[in-house]
Protein backbone atom coordinates (compact mmCIF):
# COMPACT_ATOMS: atom_id res chain seq x y z
CA UNK A 1 -18.80 -6.98 2.30
CA UNK A 2 -17.85 -10.72 3.11
CA UNK A 3 -17.51 -12.77 -0.32
CA UNK A 4 -19.04 -16.01 -0.61
CA UNK A 5 -17.14 -18.64 0.86
CA UNK A 6 -15.93 -21.29 -2.02
CA UNK A 7 -14.54 -24.88 -0.90
CA UNK A 8 -10.97 -25.67 -1.86
CA UNK A 9 -10.31 -28.33 -4.01
CA UNK A 10 -7.68 -30.64 -3.93
CA UNK A 11 -4.84 -29.75 -6.66
CA UNK A 12 -4.90 -31.88 -9.98
CA UNK A 13 -2.06 -33.42 -11.81
CA UNK A 14 -2.40 -30.87 -14.65
CA UNK A 15 -1.81 -28.05 -12.22
CA UNK A 16 1.62 -29.42 -11.06
CA UNK A 17 2.63 -30.18 -14.55
CA UNK A 18 1.52 -26.63 -16.17
CA UNK A 19 3.44 -24.68 -13.22
CA UNK A 20 6.59 -26.69 -13.61
CA UNK A 21 6.36 -26.05 -17.41
CA UNK A 22 6.61 -22.26 -16.68
CA UNK A 23 9.41 -22.33 -14.56
CA UNK A 24 12.77 -21.29 -15.87
CA UNK A 25 15.72 -23.85 -15.52
CA UNK A 26 18.29 -21.12 -15.16
CA UNK A 27 16.88 -20.14 -11.76
CA UNK A 28 19.22 -20.42 -9.02
CA UNK A 29 18.93 -23.53 -6.31
CA UNK A 30 17.75 -23.06 -2.70
CA UNK A 31 19.18 -24.69 0.30
CA UNK A 32 18.16 -28.26 -1.26
CA UNK A 33 20.27 -27.64 -4.34
CA UNK A 34 17.60 -28.88 -6.68
CA UNK A 35 17.04 -26.80 -10.11
CA UNK A 36 14.01 -26.58 -11.75
CA UNK A 37 15.49 -28.97 -14.36
CA UNK A 38 15.88 -31.77 -11.89
CA UNK A 39 12.27 -31.04 -10.94
CA UNK A 40 11.30 -31.72 -14.56
CA UNK A 41 13.24 -34.92 -14.53
CA UNK A 42 11.70 -36.07 -11.33
CA UNK A 43 8.02 -35.90 -12.47
CA UNK A 44 8.74 -38.19 -15.62
CA UNK A 45 7.68 -40.54 -12.80
CA UNK A 46 4.12 -40.75 -12.09
CA UNK A 47 4.72 -41.68 -8.79
CA UNK A 48 6.79 -38.83 -7.95
CA UNK A 49 3.93 -36.56 -9.50
CA UNK A 50 1.35 -38.23 -7.08
CA UNK A 51 3.66 -37.80 -4.06
CA UNK A 52 4.14 -34.12 -4.60
CA UNK A 53 0.51 -33.46 -5.12
CA UNK A 54 -0.32 -35.36 -2.02
CA UNK A 55 2.26 -33.04 -0.20
CA UNK A 56 0.83 -30.29 -1.44
CA UNK A 57 -2.59 -31.03 -0.46
CA UNK A 58 -1.66 -31.92 2.88
CA UNK A 59 -0.25 -28.74 3.44
CA UNK A 60 -3.51 -26.82 2.91
CA UNK A 61 -5.50 -29.55 4.65
CA UNK A 62 -3.36 -29.54 7.73
CA UNK A 63 -3.02 -25.93 7.79
CA UNK A 64 1.11 -26.35 7.98
CA UNK A 65 3.71 -25.19 5.84
CA UNK A 66 6.87 -27.59 6.89
CA UNK A 67 10.05 -26.12 8.62
CA UNK A 68 12.50 -26.38 5.60
CA UNK A 69 10.14 -24.65 3.39
CA UNK A 70 10.56 -21.73 5.86
CA UNK A 71 14.30 -21.69 5.67
CA UNK A 72 16.15 -19.48 2.94
CA UNK A 73 19.28 -17.90 2.03
CA UNK A 74 19.43 -14.21 1.14
CA UNK A 75 22.14 -13.36 -1.48
CA UNK A 76 23.36 -9.43 -0.93
CA UNK A 77 24.22 -8.30 -4.18
CA UNK A 78 25.60 -4.77 -4.99
CA UNK A 79 23.68 -2.82 -6.85
CA UNK A 80 25.30 -1.19 -10.17
CA UNK A 81 26.21 2.45 -10.95
CA UNK A 82 26.38 3.49 -7.19
CA UNK A 83 29.11 6.02 -6.20
CA UNK A 84 28.91 4.60 -2.38
CA UNK A 85 27.82 1.52 -0.94
CA UNK A 86 27.83 2.76 2.46
CA UNK A 87 23.89 2.37 2.73
CA UNK A 88 21.42 -0.50 2.67
CA UNK A 89 19.83 0.72 -0.57
CA UNK A 90 23.07 0.21 -2.54
CA UNK A 91 22.37 -3.67 -2.13
CA UNK A 92 19.86 -5.91 -3.66
CA UNK A 93 19.06 -9.03 -1.45
CA UNK A 94 18.40 -12.09 -3.41
CA UNK A 95 16.24 -14.86 -1.56
CA UNK A 96 16.98 -18.44 -2.37
CA UNK A 97 14.00 -20.48 -1.23
CA UNK A 98 13.40 -24.27 -1.24
CA UNK A 99 12.86 -25.58 -4.87
CA UNK A 100 10.00 -27.73 -3.80
CA UNK A 101 8.26 -25.12 -1.56
CA UNK A 102 8.48 -22.59 -4.48
CA UNK A 103 6.45 -24.95 -6.93
CA UNK A 104 3.83 -25.42 -4.16
CA UNK A 105 3.70 -21.44 -3.58
CA UNK A 106 3.27 -21.01 -7.42
CA UNK A 107 0.43 -23.61 -7.35
CA UNK A 108 -1.21 -21.76 -4.24
CA UNK A 109 -0.65 -18.25 -5.76
CA UNK A 110 -2.58 -19.45 -9.13
CA UNK A 111 -5.51 -20.57 -7.05
CA UNK A 112 -5.57 -17.55 -5.02
CA UNK A 113 -5.44 -15.18 -7.98
CA UNK A 114 -8.45 -17.04 -9.55
CA UNK A 115 -10.57 -16.93 -6.95
CA UNK A 116 -9.83 -13.02 -6.16
CA UNK A 117 -10.38 -11.94 -9.69
CA UNK A 118 -13.54 -14.16 -10.37
CA UNK A 119 -15.00 -12.70 -7.15
CA UNK A 120 -13.61 -9.28 -8.14
CA UNK A 121 -12.05 -8.39 -4.71
CA UNK A 122 -8.96 -7.08 -6.70
CA UNK A 123 -9.36 -3.40 -7.37
CA UNK A 124 -9.45 -2.63 -11.12
CA UNK A 125 -6.53 -0.04 -10.95
CA UNK A 126 -4.16 -2.60 -9.59
CA UNK A 127 -1.97 -3.67 -12.51
CA UNK A 128 0.67 -5.88 -11.24
CA UNK A 129 1.17 -9.21 -9.61
CA UNK A 130 -1.61 -10.73 -11.96
CA UNK A 131 -2.02 -12.57 -14.97
CA UNK A 132 -1.91 -10.64 -18.34
CA UNK A 133 -0.98 -7.57 -16.42
CA UNK A 134 2.43 -6.02 -17.21
CA UNK A 135 4.21 -2.61 -17.27
CA UNK A 136 3.38 -2.22 -21.01
CA UNK A 137 -0.40 -2.34 -19.77
CA UNK A 138 0.33 0.48 -17.28
CA UNK A 139 2.06 2.42 -19.88
CA UNK A 140 -0.68 2.10 -22.49
CA UNK A 141 -3.37 3.02 -19.91
CA UNK A 142 -1.40 6.12 -19.03
CA UNK A 143 -0.78 7.39 -22.53
CA UNK A 144 -4.62 6.44 -23.80
CA UNK A 145 -5.48 8.60 -20.65
CA UNK A 146 -3.56 11.40 -21.53
CA UNK A 147 -4.30 11.25 -25.32
CA UNK A 148 -8.04 10.86 -24.66
CA UNK A 149 -8.11 14.19 -22.58
CA UNK A 150 -5.95 16.17 -24.69
CA UNK A 151 -9.11 16.15 -27.23
CA UNK A 152 -10.95 18.20 -24.65
CA UNK A 153 -8.07 20.24 -24.09
CA UNK A 154 -7.27 19.28 -20.67
CA UNK A 155 -3.60 19.00 -19.50
CA UNK A 156 -2.80 15.74 -17.59
CA UNK A 157 -0.90 16.02 -13.94
CA UNK A 158 0.59 13.19 -12.52
CA UNK A 159 2.06 12.42 -9.14
CA UNK A 160 4.14 9.19 -8.48
CA UNK A 161 5.20 7.82 -5.01
CA UNK A 162 6.08 4.38 -3.62
CA UNK A 163 5.87 2.76 -0.29
CA UNK A 164 9.18 2.17 2.02
CA UNK A 165 10.13 -1.48 2.77
CA UNK A 166 6.70 -2.57 1.46
CA UNK A 167 6.67 -6.25 1.94
CA UNK A 168 8.54 -6.43 5.21
CA UNK A 169 5.67 -3.89 6.43
CA UNK A 170 2.64 -6.08 5.94
CA UNK A 171 0.86 -6.70 9.09
CA UNK A 172 -0.05 -10.58 9.48
CA UNK A 173 -3.09 -9.88 11.56
CA UNK A 174 -4.53 -7.43 9.15
CA UNK A 175 -3.55 -9.82 6.17
CA UNK A 176 -5.39 -12.71 7.99
CA UNK A 177 -8.49 -10.68 8.70
CA UNK A 178 -8.66 -9.58 4.85
CA UNK A 179 -8.40 -13.14 3.79
CA UNK A 180 -11.14 -14.06 5.81
CA UNK A 181 -13.33 -11.48 4.03
CA UNK A 182 -12.28 -12.65 0.62
CA UNK A 183 -14.26 -15.74 1.27
CA UNK A 184 -11.40 -18.35 1.12
CA UNK A 185 -12.39 -21.77 2.82
CA UNK A 186 -10.86 -21.81 6.55
CA UNK A 187 -8.52 -24.38 6.15
CA UNK A 188 -6.85 -22.09 3.62
CA UNK A 189 -6.78 -18.99 5.99
CA UNK A 190 -5.33 -21.47 8.59
CA UNK A 191 -2.48 -22.54 6.06
CA UNK A 192 -1.29 -18.87 5.97
CA UNK A 193 -1.57 -18.38 9.73
CA UNK A 194 1.35 -20.92 9.91
CA UNK A 195 2.98 -19.97 6.42
CA UNK A 196 3.63 -16.35 7.59
CA UNK A 197 5.47 -17.15 10.82
CA UNK A 198 8.39 -19.22 12.00
CA UNK A 199 10.37 -18.26 9.09
CA UNK A 200 14.03 -17.84 9.26
CA UNK A 201 17.06 -17.01 6.70
CA UNK A 202 20.84 -16.64 6.52
CA UNK A 203 22.69 -13.81 5.09
CA UNK A 204 25.36 -14.42 2.01
CA UNK A 205 27.89 -11.61 1.16
CA UNK A 206 30.72 -12.45 -0.80
CA UNK A 207 32.42 -14.99 1.18
CA UNK A 208 30.77 -14.26 4.60
CA UNK A 209 27.55 -16.37 5.79
CA UNK A 210 25.69 -15.41 8.86
CA UNK A 211 23.94 -17.71 11.07
CA UNK A 212 20.37 -18.40 10.88
CA UNK A 213 17.96 -15.43 12.04
CA UNK A 214 14.24 -14.95 12.42
CA UNK A 215 12.28 -13.02 10.01
CA UNK A 216 8.83 -13.32 11.15
CA UNK A 217 7.68 -9.63 9.54
CA UNK A 218 5.70 -9.09 6.35
CA UNK A 219 5.85 -11.29 3.56
CA UNK A 220 9.05 -12.73 1.60
CA UNK A 221 10.06 -10.77 -1.47
CA UNK A 222 10.91 -13.46 -4.30
CA UNK A 223 8.17 -15.74 -3.01
CA UNK A 224 5.17 -16.74 -5.46
CA UNK A 225 2.81 -15.99 -3.12
CA UNK A 226 4.10 -12.20 -2.27
CA UNK A 227 2.68 -10.30 -5.18
CA UNK A 228 -0.89 -12.00 -4.76
CA UNK A 229 -0.77 -11.36 -1.02
CA UNK A 230 0.27 -7.59 -1.47
CA UNK A 231 -2.42 -6.89 -4.03
CA UNK A 232 -4.93 -8.46 -1.73
CA UNK A 233 -3.61 -6.22 1.33
CA UNK A 234 -3.86 -3.18 -0.77
CA UNK A 235 -7.43 -3.90 -2.37
CA UNK A 236 -9.27 -2.58 0.65
CA UNK A 237 -7.17 0.37 0.95
CA UNK A 238 -7.94 1.66 -2.45
CA UNK A 239 -11.54 0.55 -2.02
CA UNK A 240 -11.57 3.04 0.98
CA UNK A 241 -9.60 5.69 -0.73
CA UNK A 242 -11.92 5.58 -3.83
CA UNK A 243 -14.94 6.32 -1.39
CA UNK A 244 -13.09 9.32 0.27
CA UNK A 245 -12.62 10.61 -3.16
CA UNK A 246 -16.24 10.43 -3.92
CA UNK A 247 -17.05 12.07 -0.36
CA UNK A 248 -14.60 14.77 -1.02
CA UNK A 249 -15.54 15.07 -4.70
CA UNK A 250 -11.78 15.09 -5.84
CA UNK A 251 -11.58 13.95 -9.52
CA UNK A 252 -8.55 12.05 -9.12
CA UNK A 253 -7.74 8.63 -10.95
CA UNK A 254 -4.94 6.10 -9.65
CA UNK A 255 -3.17 3.53 -10.97
CA UNK A 256 -0.87 1.03 -8.98
CA UNK A 257 1.80 -1.12 -9.81
CA UNK A 258 3.12 -3.33 -6.87
CA UNK A 259 4.21 -0.49 -4.30
CA UNK A 260 4.46 2.24 -6.60
CA UNK A 261 1.07 4.42 -6.88
CA UNK A 262 0.42 7.10 -9.59
CA UNK A 263 -2.24 10.05 -9.13
CA UNK A 264 -3.88 11.33 -12.06
CA UNK A 265 -5.57 14.72 -12.37
CA UNK A 266 -6.62 16.06 -15.53
CA UNK A 267 -7.87 19.59 -15.70
CA UNK A 268 -7.37 23.02 -17.80
CA UNK A 269 -5.46 24.41 -15.03
CA UNK A 270 -2.24 23.08 -13.66
CA UNK A 271 -2.99 25.09 -10.27
CA UNK A 272 -6.35 23.12 -10.10
CA UNK A 273 -4.88 19.80 -10.74
CA UNK A 274 -1.80 20.35 -8.11
CA UNK A 275 -4.61 21.25 -5.41
CA UNK A 276 -6.71 17.92 -6.39
CA UNK A 277 -3.07 16.10 -6.16
CA UNK A 278 -2.42 17.82 -2.66
CA UNK A 279 -5.62 16.63 -1.30
CA UNK A 280 -5.22 13.03 -2.55
CA UNK A 281 -1.85 12.64 -1.08
CA UNK A 282 -2.85 13.78 2.41
CA UNK A 283 -5.93 11.37 2.05
CA UNK A 284 -3.71 8.45 0.86
CA UNK A 285 -0.71 9.26 3.45
CA UNK A 286 -3.03 9.02 6.37
CA UNK A 287 -4.94 5.89 5.27
CA UNK A 288 -1.47 4.19 4.34
CA UNK A 289 -0.43 4.81 7.96
CA UNK A 290 -3.61 3.29 9.65
CA UNK A 291 -2.40 0.28 7.62
CA UNK A 292 1.15 0.05 8.65
CA UNK A 293 2.71 1.48 5.83
CA UNK A 294 4.87 4.71 5.05
CA UNK A 295 5.38 6.69 1.89
CA UNK A 296 9.13 7.16 0.74
CA UNK A 297 9.07 10.99 0.48
CA UNK A 298 12.59 10.86 -1.45
CA UNK A 299 10.66 9.01 -4.18
CA UNK A 300 7.67 11.70 -5.00
CA UNK A 301 7.67 12.70 -8.48
CA UNK A 302 5.46 15.18 -10.35
CA UNK A 303 4.96 15.49 -13.90
CA UNK A 304 2.55 17.34 -16.20
CA UNK A 305 1.47 16.33 -19.82
CA UNK A 306 0.66 19.28 -22.10
CA UNK A 307 0.45 20.10 -26.00
CA UNK A 308 0.92 23.75 -25.21
CA UNK A 309 3.15 25.65 -27.68
CA UNK A 310 6.12 28.04 -26.28
CA UNK A 311 7.56 28.27 -22.72
CA UNK A 312 6.13 25.73 -20.27
CA UNK A 313 6.48 26.66 -16.67
CA UNK A 314 4.08 24.90 -14.51
CA UNK A 315 4.06 25.98 -10.61
CA UNK A 316 5.65 23.65 -8.08
CA UNK A 317 3.62 21.09 -6.11
CA UNK A 318 4.18 21.98 -2.40
CA UNK A 319 3.85 18.75 0.01
CA UNK A 320 5.90 20.39 2.57
CA UNK A 321 2.77 20.78 4.90
CA UNK A 322 2.11 17.16 4.74
CA UNK A 323 5.89 16.39 5.36
CA UNK A 324 6.87 15.85 1.87
CA UNK A 325 9.10 17.70 -0.43
CA UNK A 326 8.62 20.74 -2.63
CA UNK A 327 8.33 19.07 -6.35
CA UNK A 328 9.63 20.85 -9.21
CA UNK A 329 8.25 19.73 -12.67
CA UNK A 330 11.20 18.07 -14.84
CA UNK A 331 11.58 18.22 -18.71
CA UNK A 332 11.30 14.28 -18.98
CA UNK A 333 10.26 11.65 -16.67
CA UNK A 334 11.23 8.04 -16.08
CA UNK A 335 8.87 5.86 -14.94
CA UNK A 336 8.84 1.90 -14.82
CA UNK A 337 11.54 1.80 -17.62
CA UNK A 338 9.43 4.27 -19.99
CA UNK A 339 10.72 7.92 -20.75
CA UNK A 340 8.06 10.45 -20.87
CA UNK A 341 8.12 14.01 -22.24
CA UNK A 342 5.28 16.42 -21.77
CA UNK A 343 3.94 16.23 -25.34
CA UNK A 344 4.40 12.44 -25.81
CA UNK A 345 6.78 12.39 -28.35
CA UNK A 346 8.79 9.42 -27.13
CA UNK A 347 11.74 11.04 -29.08
CA UNK A 348 14.16 10.47 -26.09
CA UNK A 349 12.69 7.02 -25.14
CA UNK A 350 13.35 5.83 -28.51
CA UNK A 351 16.91 7.02 -28.55
CA UNK A 352 17.93 5.69 -25.23
CA UNK A 353 16.55 2.05 -25.92
CA UNK A 354 18.07 1.97 -29.41
CA UNK A 355 21.47 2.90 -28.12
CA UNK A 356 21.36 0.58 -25.60
CA UNK A 357 20.38 -2.16 -28.39
CA UNK A 358 23.27 -1.28 -30.13
CA UNK A 359 25.78 -1.62 -27.38
CA UNK A 360 24.29 -5.14 -27.08
CA UNK A 361 24.73 -5.97 -30.85
CA UNK A 362 28.41 -4.38 -30.76
CA UNK A 363 29.61 -6.64 -27.69
CA UNK A 364 27.90 -9.75 -29.79
CA UNK A 365 30.86 -9.42 -31.65
CA UNK A 366 33.11 -10.80 -28.89
CA UNK A 367 31.36 -14.03 -29.04
CA UNK A 368 32.78 -15.05 -32.51
CA UNK A 369 33.91 -14.32 -35.79
CA UNK A 370 33.71 -16.39 -39.14
CA UNK A 371 36.18 -19.18 -38.11
CA UNK A 372 35.42 -19.28 -34.32
CA UNK A 373 32.77 -18.78 -31.73
CA UNK A 374 29.34 -19.00 -32.15
CA UNK A 375 28.00 -19.63 -35.30
CA UNK A 376 25.43 -17.27 -37.50
CA UNK A 377 22.35 -19.25 -36.45
CA UNK A 378 23.30 -18.84 -32.53
CA UNK A 379 23.86 -15.01 -33.36
CA UNK A 380 20.62 -14.70 -34.89
CA UNK A 381 18.68 -16.58 -31.99
CA UNK A 382 20.94 -14.03 -29.56
CA UNK A 383 19.92 -11.10 -31.47
CA UNK A 384 16.24 -11.99 -31.33
CA UNK A 385 16.27 -12.89 -27.66
CA UNK A 386 18.55 -9.70 -26.14
CA UNK A 387 18.52 -7.17 -28.87
CA UNK A 388 15.15 -7.09 -30.39
CA UNK A 389 13.21 -6.96 -26.91
CA UNK A 390 15.19 -4.17 -25.40
CA UNK A 391 14.79 -2.46 -28.53
CA UNK A 392 11.08 -3.00 -29.05
CA UNK A 393 10.28 -2.34 -25.02
CA UNK A 394 7.02 -0.32 -24.79
CA UNK A 395 6.66 -0.43 -28.65
CA UNK A 396 2.67 -0.08 -27.97
CA UNK A 397 2.90 3.15 -26.27
CA UNK A 398 4.13 5.04 -29.41
CA UNK A 399 3.30 2.87 -32.24
CA UNK A 400 -0.63 2.71 -32.96
CA UNK A 401 -2.95 3.64 -35.52
CA UNK A 402 -2.46 7.47 -36.60
CA UNK A 403 0.53 8.07 -34.55
CA UNK A 404 3.41 10.06 -35.79
CA UNK A 405 6.06 7.50 -36.29
CA UNK A 406 8.45 8.60 -38.98
CA UNK A 407 11.12 9.72 -36.56
CA UNK A 408 10.75 6.40 -34.58
CA UNK A 409 11.24 4.25 -37.46
CA UNK A 410 13.73 6.07 -38.76
CA UNK A 411 16.09 5.77 -35.93
CA UNK A 412 15.37 2.04 -35.29
């Protein structure tokens, strides 16, 4: 179904100012060496605000993304706690973009998000890359679903997997077709045809700086538009997948966080749940391949939630027929920073983050004492900004009305 085409209005002064206010001054600068602090000082001039808005509107009107906005530097950083650094997965690339270009991308992203959500084009199970949706929301949705089905004496089985090289794998031609279906103004579609091509970057690794090379694939990780474009790309896949499930009568729920997908099957028998998960995985893997996406088999996990007493030995989930692994259930499961156990006690989760917060507080002693270093007011501010967010991460998952919290609060 094609959505009603809505005309794209020009950017307003308030949009520019509100977007800049949300930007963090500590973010690294791009090739133009401008930081967000510089931009905030520049917009004190009304003439500068007018010029920036004129440039942003001209980009959309002319369907053109300037060459210097397409140029970036990719800083290669080694990941922590790796025994070997002989594979690409041991490194984390950080893309430094032009700061003015990032500002315009944020403004365009806000508009796209409003348009697609108001037209109900984004699937309701997508919980990332959108306003007012976070990892905590996903954790709360999952725990609520588990507890609700426990009342009906049903166990909950989950299958988590992600997509290999998700952002670089997005097909430009298919993305353009999807954007036409959303009901965007034709000049916006023309803008993205130019925005997605002609990009180049150079790699910085320690003291080595490579020459510029072309990167005309997918969307740029680190761009403000990447999340909303990826959500747009995945929406038709989810709608098609949902229709397949209804046709095959497979009782499966799905939650999506960027490229991490989670299947949820709730049944009295774990064997039946495994069968539902197997069929769903078969459908989604073939569907994703048609959209140019591949599941990373090494990151597939299965976990079962049950309140049963005594020994709990659920059968493994065999995906070898579909090219996947044989999945053995674990005693605990770490997902999006949350640590789950099968009874949702969250004891190991609380112990982990409490110890992490205590370590943070102990390191704060190095920053000063009663005679030198930072003063007590600064220490208090540092504690509230650094220690408390670690301690209370995912609080809503275990702290709610009538939940058993005696152990958790004692540890805290």
